[in-house]
Amino acid sequence: MLLLTDRLLAASWFGATGRTWWADALADQHGAGIAVVVVVAVTAVVALLPRTGRANERD
């Protein structure tokens, strides 16, 4: 959802933070979406690798 929408989530909170760096909140949200996808993908690969190795040892 973070990557697929042009609607800012929690826009009022983001505006109230008062931050002056990287002022484009939507770009920040899309960046967070990319980070979430990467973390999930890496976690899935790491979780599945040991199972694949054990399956090959049984054969």
PDB file of N, CA and C in Angstrom:
ATOM      1  N   MET A   1       0.821  -1.194   0.000  1.00  0.00           N
ATOM      2  CA  MET A   1       0.000   0.000   0.000  1.00  0.00           C
ATOM      3  C   MET A   1       0.864   1.256   0.000  1.00  0.00           C
ATOM      4  N   LEU A   2       1.982   1.218   0.693  1.00  0.00           N
ATOM      5  CA  LEU A   2       2.837   2.400   0.753  1.00  0.00           C
ATOM      6  C   LEU A   2       3.388   2.778  -0.613  1.00  0.00           C
ATOM      7  N   LEU A   3       3.624   1.784  -1.451  1.00  0.00           N
ATOM      8  CA  LEU A   3       4.192   2.043  -2.766  1.00  0.00           C
ATOM      9  C   LEU A   3       3.133   2.352  -3.818  1.00  0.00           C
ATOM     10  N   LEU A   4       1.936   1.859  -3.624  1.00  0.00           N
ATOM     11  CA  LEU A   4       0.928   1.911  -4.670  1.00  0.00           C
ATOM     12  C   LEU A   4       0.005   3.111  -4.613  1.00  0.00           C
ATOM     13  N   THR A   5       0.102   3.920  -3.601  1.00  0.00           N
ATOM     14  CA  THR A   5      -0.837   5.024  -3.457  1.00  0.00           C
ATOM     15  C   THR A   5      -0.138   6.378  -3.592  1.00  0.00           C
ATOM     16  N   ASP A   6      -0.870   7.335  -4.084  1.00  0.00           N
ATOM     17  CA  ASP A   6      -0.388   8.717  -4.117  1.00  0.00           C
ATOM     18  C   ASP A   6      -1.008   9.529  -2.988  1.00  0.00           C
ATOM     19  N   ARG A   7      -1.636   8.821  -2.060  1.00  0.00           N
ATOM     20  CA  ARG A   7      -2.256   9.462  -0.908  1.00  0.00           C
ATOM     21  C   ARG A   7      -1.343   9.280   0.300  1.00  0.00           C
ATOM     22  N   LEU A   8      -1.049  10.341   0.962  1.00  0.00           N
ATOM     23  CA  LEU A   8      -0.147  10.312   2.110  1.00  0.00           C
ATOM     24  C   LEU A   8      -0.871   9.788   3.345  1.00  0.00           C
ATOM     25  N   LEU A   9      -0.288   8.804   3.985  1.00  0.00           N
ATOM     26  CA  LEU A   9      -0.842   8.276   5.231  1.00  0.00           C
ATOM     27  C   LEU A   9      -0.399   9.164   6.390  1.00  0.00           C
ATOM     28  N   ALA A  10      -1.288   9.450   7.294  1.00  0.00           N
ATOM     29  CA  ALA A  10      -1.000  10.262   8.490  1.00  0.00           C
ATOM     30  C   ALA A  10      -0.362  11.602   8.125  1.00  0.00           C
ATOM     31  N   ALA A  11      -0.960  12.278   7.164  1.00  0.00           N
ATOM     32  CA  ALA A  11      -0.412  13.551   6.687  1.00  0.00           C
ATOM     33  C   ALA A  11      -0.330  14.596   7.801  1.00  0.00           C
ATOM     34  N   SER A  12      -1.318  14.643   8.678  1.00  0.00           N
ATOM     35  CA  SER A  12      -1.299  15.646   9.747  1.00  0.00           C
ATOM     36  C   SER A  12      -0.148  15.396  10.720  1.00  0.00           C
ATOM     37  N   TRP A  13       0.150  14.125  11.004  1.00  0.00           N
ATOM     38  CA  TRP A  13       1.269  13.813  11.892  1.00  0.00           C
ATOM     39  C   TRP A  13       2.586  14.186  11.228  1.00  0.00           C
ATOM     40  N   PHE A  14       2.721  13.837   9.966  1.00  0.00           N
ATOM     41  CA  PHE A  14       3.960  14.126   9.253  1.00  0.00           C
ATOM     42  C   PHE A  14       4.226  15.631   9.212  1.00  0.00           C
ATOM     43  N   GLY A  15       3.187  16.419   8.972  1.00  0.00           N
ATOM     44  CA  GLY A  15       3.351  17.869   8.949  1.00  0.00           C
ATOM     45  C   GLY A  15       3.676  18.456  10.309  1.00  0.00           C
ATOM     46  N   ALA A  16       3.222  17.795  11.357  1.00  0.00           N
ATOM     47  CA  ALA A  16       3.441  18.307  12.713  1.00  0.00           C
ATOM     48  C   ALA A  16       4.831  17.977  13.254  1.00  0.00           C
ATOM     49  N   THR A  17       5.594  17.137  12.569  1.00  0.00           N
ATOM     50  CA  THR A  17       6.915  16.779  13.085  1.00  0.00           C
ATOM     51  C   THR A  17       7.889  17.943  13.007  1.00  0.00           C
ATOM     52  N   GLY A  18       7.656  18.864  12.089  1.00  0.00           N
ATOM     53  CA  GLY A  18       8.501  20.041  11.980  1.00  0.00           C
ATOM     54  C   GLY A  18       9.864  19.781  11.362  1.00  0.00           C
ATOM     55  N   ARG A  19      10.028  18.653  10.736  1.00  0.00           N
ATOM     56  CA  ARG A  19      11.338  18.347  10.160  1.00  0.00           C
ATOM     57  C   ARG A  19      11.582  19.172   8.906  1.00  0.00           C
ATOM     58  N   THR A  20      12.823  19.499   8.684  1.00  0.00           N
ATOM     59  CA  THR A  20      13.178  20.349   7.538  1.00  0.00           C
ATOM     60  C   THR A  20      13.946  19.585   6.473  1.00  0.00           C
ATOM     61  N   TRP A  21      14.389  18.378   6.767  1.00  0.00           N
ATOM     62  CA  TRP A  21      15.103  17.591   5.770  1.00  0.00           C
ATOM     63  C   TRP A  21      14.099  16.716   5.017  1.00  0.00           C
ATOM     64  N   TRP A  22      14.385  16.413   3.800  1.00  0.00           N
ATOM     65  CA  TRP A  22      13.573  15.592   2.912  1.00  0.00           C
ATOM     66  C   TRP A  22      12.088  15.902   3.105  1.00  0.00           C
ATOM     67  N   ALA A  23      11.729  17.090   2.694  1.00  0.00           N
ATOM     68  CA  ALA A  23      10.389  17.606   2.951  1.00  0.00           C
ATOM     69  C   ALA A  23       9.295  16.917   2.143  1.00  0.00           C
ATOM     70  N   ASP A  24       9.647  16.114   1.131  1.00  0.00           N
ATOM     71  CA  ASP A  24       8.648  15.423   0.332  1.00  0.00           C
ATOM     72  C   ASP A  24       8.162  14.181   1.081  1.00  0.00           C
ATOM     73  N   ALA A  25       7.038  14.317   1.742  1.00  0.00           N
ATOM     74  CA  ALA A  25       6.519  13.230   2.574  1.00  0.00           C
ATOM     75  C   ALA A  25       6.119  12.018   1.745  1.00  0.00           C
ATOM     76  N   LEU A  26       5.601  12.227   0.550  1.00  0.00           N
ATOM     77  CA  LEU A  26       5.193  11.104  -0.279  1.00  0.00           C
ATOM     78  C   LEU A  26       6.402  10.295  -0.745  1.00  0.00           C
ATOM     79  N   ALA A  27       7.490  10.965  -1.077  1.00  0.00           N
ATOM     80  CA  ALA A  27       8.720  10.254  -1.444  1.00  0.00           C
ATOM     81  C   ALA A  27       9.257   9.473  -0.249  1.00  0.00           C
ATOM     82  N   ASP A  28       9.149  10.034   0.930  1.00  0.00           N
ATOM     83  CA  ASP A  28       9.573   9.351   2.149  1.00  0.00           C
ATOM     84  C   ASP A  28       8.717   8.105   2.381  1.00  0.00           C
ATOM     85  N   GLN A  29       7.426   8.223   2.161  1.00  0.00           N
ATOM     86  CA  GLN A  29       6.517   7.093   2.319  1.00  0.00           C
ATOM     87  C   GLN A  29       6.828   5.997   1.303  1.00  0.00           C
ATOM     88  N   HIS A  30       7.102   6.363   0.076  1.00  0.00           N
ATOM     89  CA  HIS A  30       7.461   5.373  -0.942  1.00  0.00           C
ATOM     90  C   HIS A  30       8.788   4.690  -0.599  1.00  0.00           C
ATOM     91  N   GLY A  31       9.727   5.449  -0.075  1.00  0.00           N
ATOM     92  CA  GLY A  31      10.998   4.868   0.364  1.00  0.00           C
ATOM     93  C   GLY A  31      10.792   3.853   1.480  1.00  0.00           C
ATOM     94  N   ALA A  32       9.906   4.157   2.400  1.00  0.00           N
ATOM     95  CA  ALA A  32       9.593   3.217   3.478  1.00  0.00           C
ATOM     96  C   ALA A  32       8.935   1.963   2.914  1.00  0.00           C
ATOM     97  N   GLY A  33       8.106   2.120   1.909  1.00  0.00           N
ATOM     98  CA  GLY A  33       7.481   0.968   1.270  1.00  0.00           C
ATOM     99  C   GLY A  33       8.504   0.058   0.624  1.00  0.00           C
ATOM    100  N   ILE A  34       9.487   0.645  -0.020  1.00  0.00           N
ATOM    101  CA  ILE A  34      10.568  -0.142  -0.629  1.00  0.00           C
ATOM    102  C   ILE A  34      11.346  -0.884   0.457  1.00  0.00           C
ATOM    103  N   ALA A  35      11.628  -0.213   1.552  1.00  0.00           N
ATOM    104  CA  ALA A  35      12.362  -0.841   2.656  1.00  0.00           C
ATOM    105  C   ALA A  35      11.587  -2.023   3.220  1.00  0.00           C
ATOM    106  N   VAL A  36      10.284  -1.892   3.357  1.00  0.00           N
ATOM    107  CA  VAL A  36       9.456  -2.987   3.869  1.00  0.00           C
ATOM    108  C   VAL A  36       9.501  -4.180   2.926  1.00  0.00           C
ATOM    109  N   VAL A  37       9.393  -3.927   1.628  1.00  0.00           N
ATOM    110  CA  VAL A  37       9.437  -5.012   0.645  1.00  0.00           C
ATOM    111  C   VAL A  37      10.787  -5.735   0.701  1.00  0.00           C
ATOM    112  N   VAL A  38      11.868  -4.989   0.811  1.00  0.00           N
ATOM    113  CA  VAL A  38      13.204  -5.591   0.866  1.00  0.00           C
ATOM    114  C   VAL A  38      13.353  -6.449   2.125  1.00  0.00           C
ATOM    115  N   VAL A  39      12.932  -5.946   3.261  1.00  0.00           N
ATOM    116  CA  VAL A  39      13.052  -6.694   4.510  1.00  0.00           C
ATOM    117  C   VAL A  39      12.225  -7.985   4.451  1.00  0.00           C
ATOM    118  N   VAL A  40      11.025  -7.908   3.927  1.00  0.00           N
ATOM    119  CA  VAL A  40      10.178  -9.105   3.820  1.00  0.00           C
ATOM    120  C   VAL A  40      10.803 -10.116   2.866  1.00  0.00           C
ATOM    121  N   ALA A  41      11.317  -9.662   1.734  1.00  0.00           N
ATOM    122  CA  ALA A  41      11.928 -10.565   0.757  1.00  0.00           C
ATOM    123  C   ALA A  41      13.166 -11.248   1.333  1.00  0.00           C
ATOM    124  N   VAL A  42      14.022 -10.500   1.989  1.00  0.00           N
ATOM    125  CA  VAL A  42      15.233 -11.079   2.577  1.00  0.00           C
ATOM    126  C   VAL A  42      14.861 -12.068   3.682  1.00  0.00           C
ATOM    127  N   THR A  43      13.888 -11.728   4.505  1.00  0.00           N
ATOM    128  CA  THR A  43      13.444 -12.621   5.566  1.00  0.00           C
ATOM    129  C   THR A  43      12.890 -13.921   4.989  1.00  0.00           C
ATOM    130  N   ALA A  44      12.121 -13.825   3.934  1.00  0.00           N
ATOM    131  CA  ALA A  44      11.564 -15.026   3.304  1.00  0.00           C
ATOM    132  C   ALA A  44      12.667 -15.912   2.737  1.00  0.00           C
ATOM    133  N   VAL A  45      13.644 -15.310   2.090  1.00  0.00           N
ATOM    134  CA  VAL A  45      14.748 -16.088   1.522  1.00  0.00           C
ATOM    135  C   VAL A  45      15.541 -16.773   2.630  1.00  0.00           C
ATOM    136  N   VAL A  46      15.851 -16.051   3.678  1.00  0.00           N
ATOM    137  CA  VAL A  46      16.616 -16.623   4.790  1.00  0.00           C
ATOM    138  C   VAL A  46      15.822 -17.739   5.474  1.00  0.00           C
ATOM    139  N   ALA A  47      14.523 -17.573   5.587  1.00  0.00           N
ATOM    140  CA  ALA A  47      13.697 -18.598   6.232  1.00  0.00           C
ATOM    141  C   ALA A  47      13.587 -19.856   5.378  1.00  0.00           C
ATOM    142  N   LEU A  48      13.607 -19.712   4.067  1.00  0.00           N
ATOM    143  CA  LEU A  48      13.427 -20.863   3.180  1.00  0.00           C
ATOM    144  C   LEU A  48      14.723 -21.592   2.852  1.00  0.00           C
ATOM    145  N   LEU A  49      15.856 -20.932   2.946  1.00  0.00           N
ATOM    146  CA  LEU A  49      17.121 -21.582   2.605  1.00  0.00           C
ATOM    147  C   LEU A  49      17.427 -22.824   3.445  1.00  0.00           C
ATOM    148  N   PRO A  50      17.305 -22.779   4.761  1.00  0.00           N
ATOM    149  CA  PRO A  50      17.597 -23.980   5.540  1.00  0.00           C
ATOM    150  C   PRO A  50      16.669 -25.151   5.193  1.00  0.00           C
ATOM    151  N   ARG A  51      15.410 -24.875   4.872  1.00  0.00           N
ATOM    152  CA  ARG A  51      14.466 -25.934   4.514  1.00  0.00           C
ATOM    153  C   ARG A  51      14.882 -26.606   3.215  1.00  0.00           C
ATOM    154  N   THR A  52      15.349 -25.841   2.267  1.00  0.00           N
ATOM    155  CA  THR A  52      15.785 -26.401   0.991  1.00  0.00           C
ATOM    156  C   THR A  52      17.002 -27.292   1.192  1.00  0.00           C
ATOM    157  N   GLY A  53      17.933 -26.873   2.017  1.00  0.00           N
ATOM    158  CA  GLY A  53      19.122 -27.662   2.290  1.00  0.00           C
ATOM    159  C   GLY A  53      18.784 -28.980   2.977  1.00  0.00           C
ATOM    160  N   ARG A  54      17.870 -28.975   3.908  1.00  0.00           N
ATOM    161  CA  ARG A  54      17.476 -30.200   4.609  1.00  0.00           C
ATOM    162  C   ARG A  54      16.747 -31.161   3.689  1.00  0.00           C
ATOM    163  N   ALA A  55      15.951 -30.652   2.776  1.00  0.00           N
ATOM    164  CA  ALA A  55      15.224 -31.498   1.840  1.00  0.00           C
ATOM    165  C   ALA A  55      16.197 -32.215   0.909  1.00  0.00           C
ATOM    166  N   ASN A  56      17.260 -31.563   0.515  1.00  0.00           N
ATOM    167  CA  ASN A  56      18.255 -32.178  -0.361  1.00  0.00           C
ATOM    168  C   ASN A  56      19.058 -33.264   0.363  1.00  0.00           C
ATOM    169  N   GLU A  57      19.265 -33.111   1.671  1.00  0.00           N
ATOM    170  CA  GLU A  57      20.026 -34.090   2.450  1.00  0.00           C
ATOM    171  C   GLU A  57      19.265 -35.395   2.597  1.00  0.00           C
ATOM    172  N   ARG A  58      17.949 -35.357   2.601  1.00  0.00           N
ATOM    173  CA  ARG A  58      17.126 -36.556   2.779  1.00  0.00           C
ATOM    174  C   ARG A  58      17.173 -37.459   1.543  1.00  0.00           C
ATOM    175  N   ASP A  59      17.373 -36.873   0.394  1.00  0.00           N
ATOM    176  CA  ASP A  59      17.346 -37.651  -0.865  1.00  0.00           C
ATOM    177  C   ASP A  59      18.559 -38.466  -1.096  1.00  0.00           C
TER     178      ASP A  59
END
